[in-house]
Amino acid sequence: MKGRRIPSLVAVLAVLLFGVTMTLSATDTINLGDGALNAHFNGNGTPIVTLLIPNCSGGYCYLANGPANSTGHVQSSGNYTVYSVSSAPFYLTHQADDSFRVTQTSVIYFSYTSQRGNLTGQLWFSLISATDSHLNSMGTATLNNTGGSLARYYPDGAAVNVTLGLTFPLQLLYTINGFSAVEFQIGTIVGANHCQGHDHHYWRDNPGQWQHGHGLTLGCHHYSDRDIEGLLQTSAGNDASLYLAHRLIGALLNVNNNLKGDPVQTVIDDANTLLGTGGLPQYVDPSSPAGQQMMGDAAVLDSYNNNNITTAASH
């Protein structure tokens, strides 16, 4: 492993300078309000938790129905509905970190109607987090096959995050025979933009958006898609090399997704140099000279991944 180039102080200054150039603009976002309707998650003492939607009529089962407002080009207010032809459109599988992988077996439809126009599409859920102390879990999904008069603002679909209110923690529910009511509380639908970056948490939670069998090269090592997913799922803890690797993976996937990489290419090159020939994780102390350089590069890449380096957004 080589340890040279950008000192941490210079990296911090770079972040501050990039922050000065940051401009804020309204994103085409639909903000979901309380969905009102209750569905149920059912545990049966196995790693599988099933979903049941009891509110069905006219051939559709309604998972959520509530107010919404939108910003950006679609700025307005209105209402949204989430529904399926199936009363059990997906089930959950418990994972080691107490999150739940979603297996969706039927299409879930989304419809938003506002004063500005309407948007329709198909919701595909991928992950639901462990339930926190406030009895909330986070659901991650994508919106595809968009239609309606507002679809022109969502040509590549959207990233969807929903806060689910429960009456019993999912990480306990899968161990027993029982059920928990579940309700959409709040959520966001943010238009996917090939000129918009995502942090490493997004790529970790949405493997279907990037796993195409090509893998990535970090330092001098090539890692398969499965290896990269494993690294993203591993907590960095006190290891500067893994902390940097997470941000470098995010940056490389953003570049692959057509985000302009020129503004941080020298930092990407330096990050690869710092990781060198060693495999990951390398257990580098963040306070060591090499660790400080890794943390400095990671700070710049984190800023890039979170769209705080505006020159990265132009093609």
Foldseek 3Di string as FASTA:
>chain_A
DDFDDDFLVNLVVVLVVLLVVFDDDKFFKKKAAWQPAKWKWWAAQAQKIWIFQPQDDPQKGWAGKAKIATDDPQGFIWIKTKIWSDRTQWMWGADPQRKTFIDGNTWIKMWTQGPSWIKIFTKDWTIWGWQDPQQKIKTWIWTDPMDIPCCVSQVPTWTKIWIKHWDDIPSVRNRHGDMIMIITHMMMTTRDDLQAFAALVVCLRCVVVQQPFPADDAQNDGDTSVRLNVLSVDDCPQQLLSLLVRLLVRLVSSVVSVQADVVCPVLNVVRSVLCHPDDPPPRDGCPDSSNSSSVSSSSNSRCVRRCSNVVRSDD
